[in-house]
């Protein structure tokens, strides 16, 4: 809230339900209870690509019934094979009103982004930056209206890209891919969202208009009432016009 953040999508690792012996809905309730007034929080659970084939499967098959779960994500080691049931499970969750995400195009190439879009049916890709290696995948993402949730500081810190100057965020946006900017895991990277925006401005020479586009993109995909979306996008546009 001190950073003027008004909407957060956060996630917890689904195996934690086993590690600490607390059911997922109780974890979600605890996270929601910690949110300060004025901050809209949507909670996701993430899992490894192999978890659908393990002992977590009964839990995964109940996720569509978790009332306050906003959605799901595949994360972890990206080069791991994706369990063949994932597409069907992700489709069932979307039918129940959950948002489906997938980490792709971070530690593996553009083919993983294509898989996430064409096979898993997601419209929210976490990172996605290595899609730039295949112009056809970039066009696919743009044509399908897919959003890449990009984390520049993490990308450079983990050497996904060699430098901020070489980061493909601007090129992806110029190609028509809607991109947002996020912090990745703040416990690991110790940076704020404001620092992400400062990096765009100071290291990648983003203009005020480009920064506004990034912020507007976030509100366009945020799971908020239409009136709130209009209000916050209006504030952004007002800042640019002033």
Protein backbone atom coordinates (compact mmCIF):
# COMPACT_ATOMS: atom_id res chain seq x y z
CA UNK A 1 0.00 0.00 0.00
CA UNK A 2 2.93 2.34 0.69
CA UNK A 3 4.01 1.80 -2.94
CA UNK A 4 0.52 2.79 -4.15
CA UNK A 5 -0.15 -0.80 -5.18
CA UNK A 6 -3.88 -1.49 -5.18
CA UNK A 7 -4.07 -4.99 -6.66
CA UNK A 8 -1.95 -8.08 -6.02
CA UNK A 9 -1.96 -11.58 -7.45
CA UNK A 10 0.03 -13.81 -5.14
CA UNK A 11 0.48 -17.56 -4.93
CA UNK A 12 1.51 -20.34 -2.60
CA UNK A 13 3.12 -23.67 -3.46
CA UNK A 14 0.40 -26.32 -3.28
CA UNK A 15 2.66 -28.98 -1.66
CA UNK A 16 2.83 -26.67 1.38
CA UNK A 17 -0.57 -28.10 2.32
CA UNK A 18 1.28 -31.35 2.99
CA UNK A 19 4.45 -29.82 4.44
CA UNK A 20 2.60 -28.00 7.22
CA UNK A 21 -0.55 -30.12 7.33
CA UNK A 22 -2.94 -27.22 6.75
CA UNK A 23 -5.72 -27.46 4.15
CA UNK A 24 -5.48 -25.07 1.21
CA UNK A 25 -8.70 -23.16 2.00
CA UNK A 26 -7.31 -22.34 5.47
CA UNK A 27 -4.08 -21.03 3.92
CA UNK A 28 -6.12 -18.89 1.53
CA UNK A 29 -8.24 -17.54 4.39
CA UNK A 30 -5.11 -16.64 6.39
CA UNK A 31 -3.58 -14.80 3.42
CA UNK A 32 -6.81 -12.90 2.77
CA UNK A 33 -7.07 -11.95 6.43
CA UNK A 34 -3.61 -10.36 6.26
CA UNK A 35 -4.51 -8.03 3.37
CA UNK A 36 -4.84 -4.38 4.47
CA UNK A 37 -7.96 -2.39 3.67
CA UNK A 38 -7.89 -0.97 0.16
CA UNK A 39 -5.73 -3.73 -1.32
CA UNK A 40 -7.44 -6.17 -3.67
CA UNK A 41 -5.73 -9.58 -3.34
CA UNK A 42 -6.25 -12.63 -5.53
CA UNK A 43 -4.67 -15.87 -4.37
CA UNK A 44 -3.41 -18.62 -6.66
CA UNK A 45 -1.83 -21.97 -5.93
CA UNK A 46 1.14 -23.18 -7.92
CA UNK A 47 2.38 -26.67 -8.56
CA UNK A 48 5.10 -28.53 -10.39
CA UNK A 49 4.41 -29.95 -13.85
CA UNK A 50 4.67 -33.43 -12.36
CA UNK A 51 2.35 -32.94 -9.37
CA UNK A 52 -0.74 -34.08 -11.27
CA UNK A 53 0.79 -37.55 -11.38
CA UNK A 54 1.60 -37.77 -7.68
CA UNK A 55 -0.02 -37.85 -4.27
CA UNK A 56 -1.32 -34.31 -4.67
CA UNK A 57 -3.73 -35.39 -7.40
CA UNK A 58 -6.77 -35.81 -5.08
CA UNK A 59 -6.20 -32.26 -3.83
CA UNK A 60 -5.79 -30.93 -7.37
CA UNK A 61 -9.05 -32.59 -8.37
CA UNK A 62 -10.82 -30.55 -5.68
CA UNK A 63 -9.37 -27.13 -6.52
CA UNK A 64 -12.44 -26.14 -8.52
CA UNK A 65 -14.43 -26.27 -5.26
CA UNK A 66 -12.13 -23.88 -3.33
CA UNK A 67 -14.31 -20.78 -3.23
CA UNK A 68 -11.66 -18.10 -2.62
CA UNK A 69 -9.00 -19.59 -4.90
CA UNK A 70 -8.57 -17.22 -7.85
CA UNK A 71 -6.68 -19.69 -10.00
CA UNK A 72 -3.75 -22.01 -10.54
CA UNK A 73 -0.25 -21.89 -11.98
CA UNK A 74 2.39 -24.32 -13.19
CA UNK A 75 5.78 -23.30 -11.85
CA UNK A 76 9.09 -24.82 -10.82
CA UNK A 77 11.58 -26.51 -13.15
CA UNK A 78 10.28 -25.53 -16.57
CA UNK A 79 12.12 -28.23 -18.54
CA UNK A 80 10.22 -30.94 -16.67
CA UNK A 81 7.68 -32.75 -18.88
CA UNK A 82 4.15 -31.45 -18.52
CA UNK A 83 1.81 -34.14 -17.18
CA UNK A 84 -0.57 -35.22 -19.97
CA UNK A 85 -3.66 -34.58 -17.82
CA UNK A 86 -2.82 -30.91 -17.32
CA UNK A 87 -4.81 -29.58 -20.28
CA UNK A 88 -8.00 -31.33 -19.14
CA UNK A 89 -7.56 -30.24 -15.51
CA UNK A 90 -6.83 -26.64 -16.54
CA UNK A 91 -9.94 -26.62 -18.77
CA UNK A 92 -12.09 -27.90 -15.90
CA UNK A 93 -10.75 -25.19 -13.63
CA UNK A 94 -11.50 -22.50 -16.20
CA UNK A 95 -15.02 -23.86 -16.51
CA UNK A 96 -15.32 -23.33 -12.74
CA UNK A 97 -14.28 -19.69 -13.11
CA UNK A 98 -10.63 -20.08 -12.10
CA UNK A 99 -7.79 -18.33 -13.92
CA UNK A 100 -5.15 -20.69 -15.31
CA UNK A 101 -1.53 -19.61 -15.62
CA UNK A 102 1.73 -21.24 -16.63
CA UNK A 103 5.39 -20.36 -16.18
CA UNK A 104 6.90 -20.63 -19.65
CA UNK A 105 9.61 -18.99 -21.69
CA UNK A 106 11.89 -18.40 -18.71
CA UNK A 107 14.30 -21.32 -18.34
CA UNK A 108 13.08 -23.04 -21.50
CA UNK A 109 12.47 -21.67 -24.95
CA UNK A 110 9.63 -20.41 -27.09
CA UNK A 111 8.22 -23.91 -27.62
CA UNK A 112 7.11 -23.93 -23.99
CA UNK A 113 5.17 -20.72 -24.55
CA UNK A 114 3.48 -22.30 -27.57
CA UNK A 115 2.59 -25.37 -25.48
CA UNK A 116 1.10 -23.19 -22.74
CA UNK A 117 -1.10 -21.36 -25.25
CA UNK A 118 -2.08 -24.11 -27.67
CA UNK A 119 -2.16 -27.17 -25.40
CA UNK A 120 -2.95 -25.80 -21.94
CA UNK A 121 -5.17 -22.99 -23.22
CA UNK A 122 -3.81 -20.32 -20.89
CA UNK A 123 -3.97 -16.60 -21.58
CA UNK A 124 -1.65 -15.65 -18.71
CA UNK A 125 2.01 -16.60 -19.15
CA UNK A 126 4.41 -16.01 -16.27
CA UNK A 127 7.57 -14.50 -17.81
CA UNK A 128 7.24 -15.59 -21.46
CA UNK A 129 10.26 -13.52 -22.46
CA UNK A 130 11.97 -16.27 -24.45
CA UNK A 131 9.06 -16.28 -26.86
CA UNK A 132 11.13 -13.58 -28.57
CA UNK A 133 13.32 -16.41 -29.90
CA UNK A 134 10.52 -17.43 -32.29
CA UNK A 135 8.58 -14.67 -34.08
CA UNK A 136 5.78 -17.13 -34.84
CA UNK A 137 5.21 -17.68 -31.11
CA UNK A 138 5.21 -13.93 -30.51
CA UNK A 139 2.54 -13.56 -33.21
CA UNK A 140 0.56 -16.41 -31.66
CA UNK A 141 0.59 -14.71 -28.25
CA UNK A 142 -0.44 -11.39 -29.75
CA UNK A 143 -3.19 -12.92 -31.89
CA UNK A 144 -4.63 -14.90 -28.95
CA UNK A 145 -4.61 -11.91 -26.59
CA UNK A 146 -2.20 -13.62 -24.20
CA UNK A 147 -0.65 -11.57 -21.40
CA UNK A 148 2.97 -12.02 -20.35
CA UNK A 149 3.57 -11.18 -16.67
CA UNK A 150 7.21 -10.10 -16.92
CA UNK A 151 9.76 -9.69 -14.11
CA UNK A 152 12.80 -7.81 -15.48
CA UNK A 153 14.87 -7.70 -12.29
CA UNK A 154 14.43 -11.44 -11.80
CA UNK A 155 15.17 -12.13 -15.47
CA UNK A 156 18.51 -10.33 -15.28
CA UNK A 157 19.37 -11.67 -11.83
CA UNK A 158 18.79 -15.25 -12.95
CA UNK A 159 20.56 -14.61 -16.29
CA UNK A 160 17.48 -15.42 -18.35
CA UNK A 161 18.58 -12.33 -20.29
CA UNK A 162 22.11 -10.91 -20.11
CA UNK A 163 21.21 -7.31 -19.20
CA UNK A 164 18.36 -4.85 -18.85
CA UNK A 165 19.38 -3.29 -22.14
CA UNK A 166 18.97 -6.68 -23.86
CA UNK A 167 15.60 -7.41 -22.24
CA UNK A 168 12.88 -8.11 -24.85
CA UNK A 169 9.99 -6.43 -22.97
CA UNK A 170 9.77 -3.43 -25.31
CA UNK A 171 10.06 -5.64 -28.40
CA UNK A 172 7.28 -7.92 -27.16
CA UNK A 173 5.01 -4.96 -26.50
CA UNK A 174 5.82 -3.46 -29.92
CA UNK A 175 4.81 -6.79 -31.48
CA UNK A 176 1.39 -6.55 -29.86
CA UNK A 177 1.86 -8.78 -26.79
CA UNK A 178 0.19 -7.35 -23.69
CA UNK A 179 2.79 -7.32 -20.91
CA UNK A 180 2.59 -6.49 -17.23
CA UNK A 181 5.48 -6.03 -14.81
CA UNK A 182 5.75 -7.93 -11.54
CA UNK A 183 8.31 -8.56 -8.80
CA UNK A 184 8.60 -12.35 -9.10
CA UNK A 185 9.29 -13.71 -5.59
CA UNK A 186 10.13 -10.74 -3.33
CA UNK A 187 11.49 -13.08 -0.65
CA UNK A 188 14.17 -14.25 -3.10
CA UNK A 189 14.85 -11.03 -5.01
CA UNK A 190 14.13 -8.41 -2.32
CA UNK A 191 12.83 -5.82 -4.76
CA UNK A 192 9.62 -3.82 -4.80
CA UNK A 193 7.22 -3.15 -7.65
CA UNK A 194 8.30 0.49 -7.64
CA UNK A 195 11.87 -0.70 -8.20
CA UNK A 196 10.69 -2.68 -11.22
CA UNK A 197 9.16 0.47 -12.70
CA UNK A 198 12.27 2.49 -11.82
CA UNK A 199 14.36 -0.11 -13.62
CA UNK A 200 12.20 0.24 -16.72
CA UNK A 201 12.72 4.00 -16.62
CA UNK A 202 16.38 4.20 -15.63
CA UNK A 203 17.90 1.09 -17.21
CA UNK A 204 15.59 0.45 -20.18
CA UNK A 205 14.69 4.08 -20.99
CA UNK A 206 10.93 3.54 -20.87
CA UNK A 207 9.03 6.78 -21.40
CA UNK A 208 6.16 7.93 -19.18
CA UNK A 209 3.76 6.78 -21.89
CA UNK A 210 5.36 3.32 -22.00
CA UNK A 211 5.25 3.03 -18.21
CA UNK A 212 1.59 4.00 -18.31
CA UNK A 213 0.91 1.29 -20.89
CA UNK A 214 2.50 -1.31 -18.62
CA UNK A 215 0.40 -0.14 -15.67
CA UNK A 216 -2.76 -0.01 -17.80
CA UNK A 217 -2.09 -3.56 -19.02
CA UNK A 218 -2.14 -4.78 -15.44
CA UNK A 219 -5.57 -3.30 -14.81
CA UNK A 220 -6.91 -4.66 -18.09
CA UNK A 221 -6.33 -8.25 -16.92
CA UNK A 222 -6.92 -7.71 -13.18
CA UNK A 223 -9.78 -9.68 -11.65
CA UNK A 224 -11.67 -6.63 -10.40
CA UNK A 225 -15.12 -5.13 -10.95
CA UNK A 226 -15.46 -3.17 -14.20
CA UNK A 227 -16.04 0.09 -12.33
CA UNK A 228 -12.77 -0.26 -10.43
CA UNK A 229 -10.93 -1.09 -13.65
CA UNK A 230 -12.29 2.04 -15.34
CA UNK A 231 -11.45 4.21 -12.34
CA UNK A 232 -7.84 3.08 -12.05
CA UNK A 233 -7.14 3.18 -15.79
CA UNK A 234 -8.65 6.67 -15.76
CA UNK A 235 -6.21 7.73 -13.04
CA UNK A 236 -3.28 6.44 -15.10
CA UNK A 237 -4.47 8.27 -18.19
CA UNK A 238 -4.98 11.41 -16.12
CA UNK A 239 -1.37 11.32 -14.93
CA UNK A 240 -0.11 11.07 -18.50
CA UNK A 241 -2.34 13.91 -19.67
CA UNK A 242 -1.23 16.25 -16.88
